[in-house]
Amino acid sequence: MEQQFVCMKITMAGWTIIYGLWLIGWAAAVAVATGSESIRSWIPAMLGMPILLMGLLSLIHPAASASKLMLLVTGGWFAVICLRSFIWARKNPRD
């Protein structure tokens, strides 16, 4: 039995790094392709950087897996708040 979860022969630390790099790369590609000078085009990179750092940290120091748990909990909490905000905005249009 394996000591950690593996999907497609990649550990969760590996997936975390891949996802962080994907978000950073996506932000860079969109900013360059559209010629955007807005900070908003870099929001995916701002989210990807801590994800990437936590993935790298978990490779260096395996006990840092607790950081991924904290990211899951806080990210889930934030997603719920965002969803509730969206529902509220749909029920209370400005016009």
N, C-alpha and C. Protein backbone atom coordinates (compact mmCIF):
# COMPACT_ATOMS: atom_id res chain seq x y z
N MET A 1 0.84 -1.18 0.00
CA MET A 1 0.00 0.00 0.00
C MET A 1 0.88 1.25 0.00
N GLU A 2 0.50 2.23 -0.81
CA GLU A 2 1.30 3.43 -0.93
C GLU A 2 1.15 4.33 0.29
N GLN A 3 2.16 5.14 0.53
CA GLN A 3 2.18 6.02 1.70
C GLN A 3 1.44 7.34 1.46
N GLN A 4 1.15 7.65 0.20
CA GLN A 4 0.46 8.89 -0.10
C GLN A 4 -0.42 8.72 -1.33
N PHE A 5 -1.36 9.63 -1.50
CA PHE A 5 -2.27 9.57 -2.63
C PHE A 5 -1.52 9.90 -3.91
N VAL A 6 -1.77 9.11 -4.95
CA VAL A 6 -1.15 9.32 -6.25
C VAL A 6 -2.23 9.22 -7.31
N CYS A 7 -2.26 10.17 -8.22
CA CYS A 7 -3.21 10.16 -9.33
C CYS A 7 -2.42 10.35 -10.61
N MET A 8 -2.56 9.43 -11.54
CA MET A 8 -1.81 9.44 -12.80
C MET A 8 -0.30 9.52 -12.54
N LYS A 9 0.14 8.79 -11.52
CA LYS A 9 1.54 8.69 -11.12
C LYS A 9 2.14 10.01 -10.62
N ILE A 10 1.27 10.93 -10.20
CA ILE A 10 1.73 12.22 -9.67
C ILE A 10 1.15 12.38 -8.27
N THR A 11 2.00 12.74 -7.31
CA THR A 11 1.54 12.95 -5.94
C THR A 11 0.78 14.26 -5.84
N MET A 12 0.12 14.47 -4.71
CA MET A 12 -0.62 15.71 -4.52
C MET A 12 0.32 16.91 -4.49
N ALA A 13 1.52 16.74 -3.97
CA ALA A 13 2.50 17.83 -4.01
C ALA A 13 2.80 18.20 -5.46
N GLY A 14 2.94 17.19 -6.30
CA GLY A 14 3.18 17.43 -7.73
C GLY A 14 2.01 18.14 -8.39
N TRP A 15 0.79 17.69 -8.09
CA TRP A 15 -0.40 18.33 -8.66
C TRP A 15 -0.53 19.77 -8.18
N THR A 16 -0.16 20.01 -6.93
CA THR A 16 -0.22 21.36 -6.39
C THR A 16 0.74 22.28 -7.13
N ILE A 17 1.93 21.80 -7.39
CA ILE A 17 2.91 22.57 -8.14
C ILE A 17 2.44 22.81 -9.56
N ILE A 18 1.92 21.77 -10.20
CA ILE A 18 1.42 21.90 -11.58
C ILE A 18 0.30 22.93 -11.65
N TYR A 19 -0.64 22.87 -10.71
CA TYR A 19 -1.77 23.80 -10.71
C TYR A 19 -1.30 25.24 -10.47
N GLY A 20 -0.37 25.42 -9.53
CA GLY A 20 0.17 26.76 -9.29
C GLY A 20 0.85 27.32 -10.52
N LEU A 21 1.66 26.49 -11.18
CA LEU A 21 2.33 26.92 -12.41
C LEU A 21 1.33 27.21 -13.52
N TRP A 22 0.27 26.39 -13.60
CA TRP A 22 -0.77 26.61 -14.61
C TRP A 22 -1.43 27.98 -14.42
N LEU A 23 -1.78 28.31 -13.19
CA LEU A 23 -2.42 29.61 -12.92
C LEU A 23 -1.49 30.76 -13.26
N ILE A 24 -0.23 30.65 -12.89
CA ILE A 24 0.73 31.70 -13.19
C ILE A 24 0.93 31.82 -14.70
N GLY A 25 1.09 30.69 -15.37
CA GLY A 25 1.26 30.70 -16.83
C GLY A 25 0.05 31.25 -17.56
N TRP A 26 -1.14 30.88 -17.08
CA TRP A 26 -2.37 31.38 -17.69
C TRP A 26 -2.45 32.90 -17.58
N ALA A 27 -2.15 33.43 -16.40
CA ALA A 27 -2.20 34.87 -16.20
C ALA A 27 -1.20 35.58 -17.12
N ALA A 28 0.00 35.03 -17.21
CA ALA A 28 1.02 35.63 -18.07
C ALA A 28 0.60 35.58 -19.53
N ALA A 29 0.06 34.44 -19.97
CA ALA A 29 -0.36 34.30 -21.36
C ALA A 29 -1.48 35.28 -21.71
N VAL A 30 -2.46 35.40 -20.83
CA VAL A 30 -3.58 36.31 -21.08
C VAL A 30 -3.10 37.76 -21.08
N ALA A 31 -2.25 38.11 -20.12
CA ALA A 31 -1.75 39.48 -20.05
C ALA A 31 -0.95 39.85 -21.30
N VAL A 32 -0.12 38.93 -21.76
CA VAL A 32 0.70 39.20 -22.94
C VAL A 32 -0.15 39.19 -24.22
N ALA A 33 -1.03 38.19 -24.34
CA ALA A 33 -1.85 38.06 -25.56
C ALA A 33 -2.80 39.23 -25.75
N THR A 34 -3.33 39.75 -24.66
CA THR A 34 -4.29 40.85 -24.78
C THR A 34 -3.64 42.22 -24.62
N GLY A 35 -2.38 42.24 -24.23
CA GLY A 35 -1.70 43.50 -24.00
C GLY A 35 -2.27 44.25 -22.81
N SER A 36 -2.85 43.52 -21.90
CA SER A 36 -3.50 44.13 -20.74
C SER A 36 -2.48 44.75 -19.80
N GLU A 37 -2.80 45.94 -19.35
CA GLU A 37 -1.97 46.61 -18.35
C GLU A 37 -2.68 46.63 -16.99
N SER A 38 -3.81 45.96 -16.91
CA SER A 38 -4.60 45.92 -15.69
C SER A 38 -4.05 44.88 -14.73
N ILE A 39 -4.05 45.21 -13.46
CA ILE A 39 -3.60 44.28 -12.42
C ILE A 39 -4.55 43.08 -12.34
N ARG A 40 -5.80 43.28 -12.77
CA ARG A 40 -6.79 42.19 -12.69
C ARG A 40 -6.41 41.01 -13.56
N SER A 41 -5.69 41.24 -14.63
CA SER A 41 -5.30 40.11 -15.49
C SER A 41 -4.28 39.21 -14.79
N TRP A 42 -3.68 39.69 -13.72
CA TRP A 42 -2.69 38.91 -12.98
C TRP A 42 -3.28 38.23 -11.75
N ILE A 43 -4.59 38.32 -11.55
CA ILE A 43 -5.22 37.68 -10.39
C ILE A 43 -4.96 36.17 -10.34
N PRO A 44 -5.07 35.44 -11.46
CA PRO A 44 -4.75 34.00 -11.38
C PRO A 44 -3.32 33.74 -10.90
N ALA A 45 -2.38 34.59 -11.29
CA ALA A 45 -1.01 34.42 -10.84
C ALA A 45 -0.89 34.70 -9.34
N MET A 46 -1.67 35.67 -8.87
CA MET A 46 -1.65 35.98 -7.43
C MET A 46 -2.20 34.81 -6.61
N LEU A 47 -3.14 34.08 -7.18
CA LEU A 47 -3.66 32.88 -6.51
C LEU A 47 -2.71 31.70 -6.69
N GLY A 48 -2.06 31.64 -7.85
CA GLY A 48 -1.17 30.53 -8.16
C GLY A 48 0.13 30.54 -7.37
N MET A 49 0.61 31.73 -7.03
CA MET A 49 1.89 31.81 -6.32
C MET A 49 1.85 31.12 -4.95
N PRO A 50 0.87 31.39 -4.08
CA PRO A 50 0.87 30.66 -2.80
C PRO A 50 0.62 29.16 -2.98
N ILE A 51 -0.17 28.79 -3.98
CA ILE A 51 -0.40 27.37 -4.24
C ILE A 51 0.91 26.71 -4.64
N LEU A 52 1.65 27.34 -5.53
CA LEU A 52 2.95 26.83 -5.95
C LEU A 52 3.91 26.74 -4.77
N LEU A 53 3.97 27.77 -3.98
CA LEU A 53 4.88 27.78 -2.83
C LEU A 53 4.54 26.67 -1.83
N MET A 54 3.25 26.43 -1.59
CA MET A 54 2.86 25.36 -0.67
C MET A 54 3.22 24.00 -1.24
N GLY A 55 3.08 23.82 -2.55
CA GLY A 55 3.48 22.56 -3.18
C GLY A 55 4.97 22.32 -3.05
N LEU A 56 5.76 23.36 -3.30
CA LEU A 56 7.21 23.24 -3.16
C LEU A 56 7.60 22.98 -1.71
N LEU A 57 6.94 23.66 -0.80
CA LEU A 57 7.22 23.47 0.63
C LEU A 57 6.91 22.04 1.05
N SER A 58 5.84 21.47 0.52
CA SER A 58 5.49 20.10 0.90
C SER A 58 6.48 19.08 0.34
N LEU A 59 7.18 19.41 -0.74
CA LEU A 59 8.24 18.52 -1.24
C LEU A 59 9.47 18.61 -0.35
N ILE A 60 9.80 19.82 0.08
CA ILE A 60 10.98 20.05 0.90
C ILE A 60 10.77 19.53 2.31
N HIS A 61 9.58 19.79 2.85
CA HIS A 61 9.28 19.43 4.24
C HIS A 61 7.91 18.75 4.26
N PRO A 62 7.87 17.41 4.20
CA PRO A 62 6.60 16.68 4.10
C PRO A 62 5.58 17.01 5.18
N ALA A 63 6.01 17.47 6.34
CA ALA A 63 5.06 17.82 7.40
C ALA A 63 4.25 19.05 7.02
N ALA A 64 4.65 19.75 5.95
CA ALA A 64 3.93 20.94 5.50
C ALA A 64 2.61 20.59 4.84
N SER A 65 2.27 19.32 4.80
CA SER A 65 0.99 18.92 4.23
C SER A 65 -0.17 19.57 4.97
N ALA A 66 0.06 19.93 6.21
CA ALA A 66 -0.97 20.65 6.98
C ALA A 66 -1.29 21.98 6.31
N SER A 67 -0.32 22.55 5.62
CA SER A 67 -0.55 23.81 4.91
C SER A 67 -1.58 23.60 3.80
N LYS A 68 -1.52 22.45 3.15
CA LYS A 68 -2.51 22.17 2.10
C LYS A 68 -3.89 22.00 2.70
N LEU A 69 -3.96 21.42 3.88
CA LEU A 69 -5.24 21.29 4.55
C LEU A 69 -5.78 22.68 4.88
N MET A 70 -4.94 23.58 5.36
CA MET A 70 -5.37 24.94 5.66
C MET A 70 -5.83 25.64 4.39
N LEU A 71 -5.11 25.42 3.29
CA LEU A 71 -5.51 26.02 2.02
C LEU A 71 -6.86 25.48 1.57
N LEU A 72 -7.10 24.20 1.77
CA LEU A 72 -8.39 23.60 1.42
C LEU A 72 -9.51 24.20 2.26
N VAL A 73 -9.29 24.31 3.56
CA VAL A 73 -10.34 24.83 4.45
C VAL A 73 -10.63 26.29 4.14
N THR A 74 -9.60 27.11 4.05
CA THR A 74 -9.82 28.53 3.79
C THR A 74 -10.34 28.77 2.38
N GLY A 75 -9.86 27.99 1.41
CA GLY A 75 -10.35 28.11 0.05
C GLY A 75 -11.81 27.70 -0.07
N GLY A 76 -12.19 26.64 0.64
CA GLY A 76 -13.59 26.22 0.65
C GLY A 76 -14.49 27.26 1.29
N TRP A 77 -14.02 27.82 2.39
CA TRP A 77 -14.77 28.88 3.08
C TRP A 77 -14.96 30.08 2.16
N PHE A 78 -13.88 30.48 1.47
CA PHE A 78 -13.96 31.62 0.56
C PHE A 78 -14.90 31.32 -0.61
N ALA A 79 -14.86 30.10 -1.12
CA ALA A 79 -15.75 29.73 -2.23
C ALA A 79 -17.21 29.81 -1.81
N VAL A 80 -17.52 29.38 -0.60
CA VAL A 80 -18.90 29.46 -0.09
C VAL A 80 -19.34 30.92 0.01
N ILE A 81 -18.48 31.77 0.53
CA ILE A 81 -18.82 33.20 0.64
C ILE A 81 -19.03 33.81 -0.75
N CYS A 82 -18.19 33.46 -1.70
CA CYS A 82 -18.34 33.97 -3.06
C CYS A 82 -19.67 33.52 -3.67
N LEU A 83 -20.02 32.27 -3.46
CA LEU A 83 -21.27 31.74 -3.98
C LEU A 83 -22.46 32.46 -3.35
N ARG A 84 -22.42 32.67 -2.04
CA ARG A 84 -23.51 33.38 -1.36
C ARG A 84 -23.60 34.82 -1.85
N SER A 85 -22.46 35.46 -2.12
CA SER A 85 -22.45 36.82 -2.65
C SER A 85 -23.08 36.86 -4.04
N PHE A 86 -22.76 35.87 -4.85
CA PHE A 86 -23.34 35.79 -6.19
C PHE A 86 -24.85 35.62 -6.12
N ILE A 87 -25.31 34.73 -5.26
CA ILE A 87 -26.75 34.51 -5.10
C ILE A 87 -27.44 35.78 -4.63
N TRP A 88 -26.83 36.48 -3.67
CA TRP A 88 -27.40 37.72 -3.16
C TRP A 88 -27.49 38.76 -4.28
N ALA A 89 -26.43 38.87 -5.08
CA ALA A 89 -26.41 39.85 -6.18
C ALA A 89 -27.49 39.54 -7.21
N ARG A 90 -27.74 38.26 -7.46
CA ARG A 90 -28.78 37.89 -8.44
C ARG A 90 -30.17 38.20 -7.88
N LYS A 91 -30.36 38.06 -6.59
CA LYS A 91 -31.65 38.34 -5.97
C LYS A 91 -31.89 39.84 -5.77
N ASN A 92 -30.84 40.63 -5.76
CA ASN A 92 -30.94 42.07 -5.48
C ASN A 92 -30.29 42.88 -6.61
N PRO A 93 -30.90 42.90 -7.79
CA PRO A 93 -30.29 43.64 -8.90
C PRO A 93 -30.28 45.15 -8.61
N ARG A 94 -29.34 45.85 -9.20
CA ARG A 94 -29.20 47.29 -8.96
C ARG A 94 -30.32 48.09 -9.60
N ASP A 95 -30.86 47.63 -10.67
CA ASP A 95 -31.90 48.40 -11.38
C ASP A 95 -33.23 48.27 -10.76
